[in-house]
């Protein structure tokens, strides 16, 4: 079984091309302690889509590939990457939620964790991924923010400074698995694209889909807004791939066809 790959950095998505000597019915891939997405492109060619979490340590990591009786270990090289850091002084009330909000935050977190862990095993997307809005991303994925001297989790998505009311479109086909108002992210939509790949869209002014809706690439799912814990209107897009936090811009680049 032949394998081709390349060196990558934290936050990126990599696609392995897997070629077998004869047709097979199933191919399993595991890396970074997680099962990874694999799908057939032709009778003897498969693709494995692997997300490199933004906090993955640099070095060589094993990718275990099982195709029938064949077992191969591929070494994937993750290069070091320095993410931006910013220090901000803001109203303390913006940094630390009031005690009465803690129960809701805990409930929201549990709900999202359940969504991340329940992706369809089938590949639901089709063709290239596209931007949810026409505007350019204006924030750096992985940025470490320090609010009033308190370090916060790294920024795990891409932000777009679109005008309020701008239609937000699904970047590809899938199923709506969450459409709700959450404390931090406001009006939020999560789309399951299948095989461990999910998109979250936050701070929407309006939601135009319901949970369990099937969507195609280009389906309008809401409007840009400023709901939740934000300082101004924008669209936040987060992508999870088999649990890994990856840059949506990397997804657009590698799944372009």
Protein backbone atom coordinates (compact mmCIF):
# COMPACT_ATOMS: atom_id res chain seq x y z
CA UNK A 1 0.00 0.00 0.00
CA UNK A 2 1.53 3.29 -1.12
CA UNK A 3 1.07 6.49 0.91
CA UNK A 4 1.88 10.09 0.04
CA UNK A 5 1.85 13.00 2.49
CA UNK A 6 3.68 16.19 3.48
CA UNK A 7 4.92 18.03 6.55
CA UNK A 8 2.32 20.21 8.23
CA UNK A 9 1.79 22.62 11.10
CA UNK A 10 -0.67 22.73 14.02
CA UNK A 11 -4.12 23.88 12.96
CA UNK A 12 -3.80 22.55 9.42
CA UNK A 13 -5.77 19.85 7.62
CA UNK A 14 -3.80 17.26 5.66
CA UNK A 15 -5.10 14.81 3.08
CA UNK A 16 -3.24 11.52 2.67
CA UNK A 17 -3.59 9.71 -0.66
CA UNK A 18 -3.69 5.95 -0.06
CA UNK A 19 -3.21 3.59 -3.01
CA UNK A 20 -3.82 -0.16 -2.76
CA UNK A 21 -2.70 -2.88 -5.15
CA UNK A 22 -6.27 -4.21 -5.48
CA UNK A 23 -9.76 -2.98 -4.55
CA UNK A 24 -10.72 -3.14 -0.85
CA UNK A 25 -14.00 -2.58 0.99
CA UNK A 26 -12.71 -0.83 4.11
CA UNK A 27 -9.71 1.23 5.18
CA UNK A 28 -9.07 2.38 8.74
CA UNK A 29 -6.80 5.24 9.75
CA UNK A 30 -5.81 6.30 13.27
CA UNK A 31 -3.58 9.21 14.31
CA UNK A 32 -3.09 11.44 17.36
CA UNK A 33 -5.09 8.95 19.44
CA UNK A 34 -8.20 9.35 17.27
CA UNK A 35 -9.87 7.50 14.41
CA UNK A 36 -9.58 9.58 11.24
CA UNK A 37 -11.76 10.16 8.19
CA UNK A 38 -11.08 7.89 5.20
CA UNK A 39 -13.15 7.64 2.03
CA UNK A 40 -12.85 5.97 -1.36
CA UNK A 41 -11.98 7.97 -4.49
CA UNK A 42 -11.65 4.99 -6.87
CA UNK A 43 -11.49 1.18 -6.52
CA UNK A 44 -7.81 1.39 -5.50
CA UNK A 45 -7.45 4.96 -4.20
CA UNK A 46 -8.57 6.30 -0.83
CA UNK A 47 -8.17 9.65 0.90
CA UNK A 48 -7.64 10.15 4.61
CA UNK A 49 -8.45 13.60 5.99
CA UNK A 50 -6.55 14.39 9.21
CA UNK A 51 -6.83 17.49 11.37
CA UNK A 52 -3.79 18.66 13.34
CA UNK A 53 -5.03 20.24 16.56
CA UNK A 54 -3.69 23.74 17.17
CA UNK A 55 -1.87 22.56 20.31
CA UNK A 56 -0.22 19.49 18.77
CA UNK A 57 3.43 19.24 19.76
CA UNK A 58 5.97 19.37 16.92
CA UNK A 59 7.72 16.16 15.93
CA UNK A 60 7.05 12.90 14.14
CA UNK A 61 3.68 11.25 14.80
CA UNK A 62 2.53 7.76 13.82
CA UNK A 63 -0.40 7.30 11.45
CA UNK A 64 -1.69 3.72 11.59
CA UNK A 65 -3.32 2.50 8.37
CA UNK A 66 -5.15 -0.82 8.09
CA UNK A 67 -6.42 -2.06 4.71
CA UNK A 68 -7.58 -5.67 4.84
CA UNK A 69 -4.60 -7.77 5.89
CA UNK A 70 -2.15 -4.91 5.21
CA UNK A 71 -0.94 -2.71 8.06
CA UNK A 72 1.25 0.33 7.49
CA UNK A 73 2.64 2.91 9.90
CA UNK A 74 3.20 6.30 8.30
CA UNK A 75 5.25 8.99 10.03
CA UNK A 76 3.69 12.43 9.78
CA UNK A 77 5.96 15.37 10.57
CA UNK A 78 4.39 18.28 12.46
CA UNK A 79 6.46 21.46 12.33
CA UNK A 80 6.62 24.03 15.12
CA UNK A 81 4.43 27.10 14.71
CA UNK A 82 4.34 30.33 16.68
CA UNK A 83 0.85 31.77 17.05
CA UNK A 84 0.25 35.50 17.65
CA UNK A 85 -0.31 36.79 21.18
CA UNK A 86 -2.26 39.87 22.17
CA UNK A 87 -2.84 41.60 25.51
CA UNK A 88 -6.02 43.60 26.03
CA UNK A 89 -7.52 45.71 28.78
CA UNK A 90 -11.30 45.32 28.88
CA UNK A 91 -14.20 45.74 31.28
CA UNK A 92 -13.78 43.00 33.93
CA UNK A 93 -17.45 42.08 33.50
CA UNK A 94 -16.65 41.06 29.93
CA UNK A 95 -13.88 38.68 31.04
CA UNK A 96 -15.56 36.93 33.96
CA UNK A 97 -19.22 35.92 33.61
CA UNK A 98 -21.53 36.65 36.55
CA UNK A 99 -22.18 33.76 38.97
CA UNK A 100 -25.78 33.43 37.84
CA UNK A 101 -24.59 32.53 34.33
CA UNK A 102 -22.37 29.61 35.39
CA UNK A 103 -25.10 26.97 35.32
CA UNK A 104 -26.09 27.99 31.79
CA UNK A 105 -22.46 27.97 30.64
CA UNK A 106 -21.99 24.46 32.04
CA UNK A 107 -25.12 23.27 30.23
CA UNK A 108 -24.00 24.88 26.95
CA UNK A 109 -20.56 23.27 27.23
CA UNK A 110 -22.03 19.82 27.81
CA UNK A 111 -24.35 20.28 24.85
CA UNK A 112 -21.52 21.31 22.52
CA UNK A 113 -19.29 18.45 23.70
CA UNK A 114 -22.09 16.05 22.82
CA UNK A 115 -22.39 17.58 19.36
CA UNK A 116 -18.64 17.34 18.69
CA UNK A 117 -18.69 13.64 19.63
CA UNK A 118 -21.71 12.58 17.57
CA UNK A 119 -20.79 13.18 13.93
CA UNK A 120 -22.26 10.88 11.29
CA UNK A 121 -19.92 8.09 10.20
CA UNK A 122 -20.81 8.74 6.56
CA UNK A 123 -19.25 11.50 4.45
CA UNK A 124 -22.04 14.04 3.91
CA UNK A 125 -20.07 16.76 2.14
CA UNK A 126 -19.66 16.84 -1.63
CA UNK A 127 -17.18 18.79 -3.73
CA UNK A 128 -15.17 21.82 -2.60
CA UNK A 129 -15.74 23.79 0.60
CA UNK A 130 -16.49 27.50 0.12
CA UNK A 131 -16.47 30.59 2.33
CA UNK A 132 -19.64 31.14 4.36
CA UNK A 133 -19.45 34.88 3.58
CA UNK A 134 -17.63 36.67 0.74
CA UNK A 135 -15.44 38.75 3.07
CA UNK A 136 -11.85 37.93 4.00
CA UNK A 137 -11.00 36.51 7.40
CA UNK A 138 -9.62 39.27 9.63
CA UNK A 139 -8.38 37.36 12.69
CA UNK A 140 -5.51 34.95 13.15
CA UNK A 141 -6.39 31.37 14.01
CA UNK A 142 -4.64 30.24 17.19
CA UNK A 143 -4.10 33.75 18.59
CA UNK A 144 -3.46 33.68 22.35
CA UNK A 145 -5.37 36.46 24.09
CA UNK A 146 -4.59 37.82 27.56
CA UNK A 147 -7.46 39.85 29.04
CA UNK A 148 -6.48 42.06 31.99
CA UNK A 149 -3.48 39.81 32.61
CA UNK A 150 -5.52 36.57 32.48
CA UNK A 151 -4.54 34.10 29.70
CA UNK A 152 -7.46 32.69 27.73
CA UNK A 153 -7.92 29.73 25.42
CA UNK A 154 -6.42 30.21 21.95
CA UNK A 155 -8.72 31.45 19.21
CA UNK A 156 -9.92 28.26 17.54
CA UNK A 157 -11.69 29.66 14.50
CA UNK A 158 -11.74 32.32 11.81
CA UNK A 159 -13.53 35.67 12.15
CA UNK A 160 -15.03 37.62 9.26
CA UNK A 161 -15.84 41.33 9.69
CA UNK A 162 -18.99 41.16 7.59
CA UNK A 163 -21.78 43.71 7.85
CA UNK A 164 -24.73 42.89 10.11
CA UNK A 165 -27.44 41.05 8.19
CA UNK A 166 -25.03 39.52 5.67
CA UNK A 167 -26.35 36.06 4.71
CA UNK A 168 -24.26 33.21 6.14
CA UNK A 169 -24.13 30.18 3.85
CA UNK A 170 -23.24 26.59 4.61
CA UNK A 171 -19.71 25.90 3.26
CA UNK A 172 -20.80 22.43 2.13
CA UNK A 173 -23.50 19.81 2.49
CA UNK A 174 -24.44 18.32 5.84
CA UNK A 175 -27.04 18.20 8.57
CA UNK A 176 -27.88 20.87 11.15
CA UNK A 177 -27.17 19.34 14.57
CA UNK A 178 -27.51 22.50 16.66
CA UNK A 179 -29.43 25.74 16.18
CA UNK A 180 -29.68 27.58 19.48
CA UNK A 181 -28.81 30.63 21.56
CA UNK A 182 -25.71 29.90 23.68
CA UNK A 183 -24.18 32.15 26.33
CA UNK A 184 -20.77 32.80 24.78
CA UNK A 185 -21.49 32.32 21.06
CA UNK A 186 -25.01 33.74 20.92
CA UNK A 187 -27.19 32.47 18.10
CA UNK A 188 -25.21 29.43 16.99
CA UNK A 189 -25.52 26.87 14.20
CA UNK A 190 -23.49 23.67 13.98
CA UNK A 191 -23.45 21.64 10.76
CA UNK A 192 -22.29 18.03 10.68
CA UNK A 193 -20.55 17.42 7.34
CA UNK A 194 -20.05 13.76 8.27
CA UNK A 195 -17.09 11.53 9.09
CA UNK A 196 -16.05 13.65 12.08
CA UNK A 197 -16.08 17.03 10.29
CA UNK A 198 -18.26 19.79 11.81
CA UNK A 199 -18.66 23.55 11.34
CA UNK A 200 -19.85 26.00 14.02
CA UNK A 201 -21.11 29.49 13.16
CA UNK A 202 -21.46 31.96 16.02
CA UNK A 203 -22.92 35.40 16.92
CA UNK A 204 -25.67 35.24 14.28
CA UNK A 205 -28.34 37.94 14.28
CA UNK A 206 -30.87 35.41 12.99
CA UNK A 207 -30.97 31.65 12.44
CA UNK A 208 -32.83 30.46 9.32
CA UNK A 209 -32.49 26.67 9.74
CA UNK A 210 -33.67 24.16 12.32
CA UNK A 211 -31.99 21.17 13.92
CA UNK A 212 -32.15 18.04 11.72
CA UNK A 213 -32.42 20.14 8.53
CA UNK A 214 -30.36 18.84 5.61
CA UNK A 215 -28.34 21.58 3.90
CA UNK A 216 -26.30 21.82 0.74
CA UNK A 217 -23.34 24.05 -0.02
CA UNK A 218 -24.70 27.59 -0.28
CA UNK A 219 -27.80 27.07 1.86
CA UNK A 220 -28.43 30.24 3.91
CA UNK A 221 -28.29 29.24 7.59
CA UNK A 222 -28.48 32.69 9.19
CA UNK A 223 -27.34 36.32 9.21
CA UNK A 224 -24.20 37.97 10.58
CA UNK A 225 -24.81 39.61 13.94
CA UNK A 226 -23.37 40.43 17.35
CA UNK A 227 -25.14 38.06 19.75
CA UNK A 228 -23.38 36.42 22.67
CA UNK A 229 -20.17 37.69 24.27
CA UNK A 230 -18.73 39.92 21.54
CA UNK A 231 -17.67 43.55 21.19
CA UNK A 232 -19.07 44.02 17.68
CA UNK A 233 -20.76 42.33 14.73
CA UNK A 234 -18.83 39.61 12.91
CA UNK A 235 -19.06 35.97 11.89
CA UNK A 236 -17.05 33.38 13.80
CA UNK A 237 -16.48 30.02 12.04
CA UNK A 238 -15.01 27.08 13.96
CA UNK A 239 -14.14 23.70 12.43
CA UNK A 240 -13.61 20.45 14.31
CA UNK A 241 -12.22 17.40 12.51
CA UNK A 242 -12.39 14.23 14.60
CA UNK A 243 -11.96 16.36 17.70
CA UNK A 244 -9.06 18.45 16.37
CA UNK A 245 -9.40 22.25 16.31
CA UNK A 246 -8.33 23.27 12.82
CA UNK A 247 -8.16 26.47 10.82
CA UNK A 248 -11.18 26.79 8.49
CA UNK A 249 -8.91 28.43 5.92
CA UNK A 250 -6.83 25.24 5.81
CA UNK A 251 -9.99 23.24 5.21
CA UNK A 252 -10.86 25.49 2.26
CA UNK A 253 -7.38 24.99 0.82
CA UNK A 254 -7.07 21.20 1.01
CA UNK A 255 -10.68 20.23 0.26
CA UNK A 256 -10.93 22.48 -2.76
CA UNK A 257 -11.85 19.63 -5.11
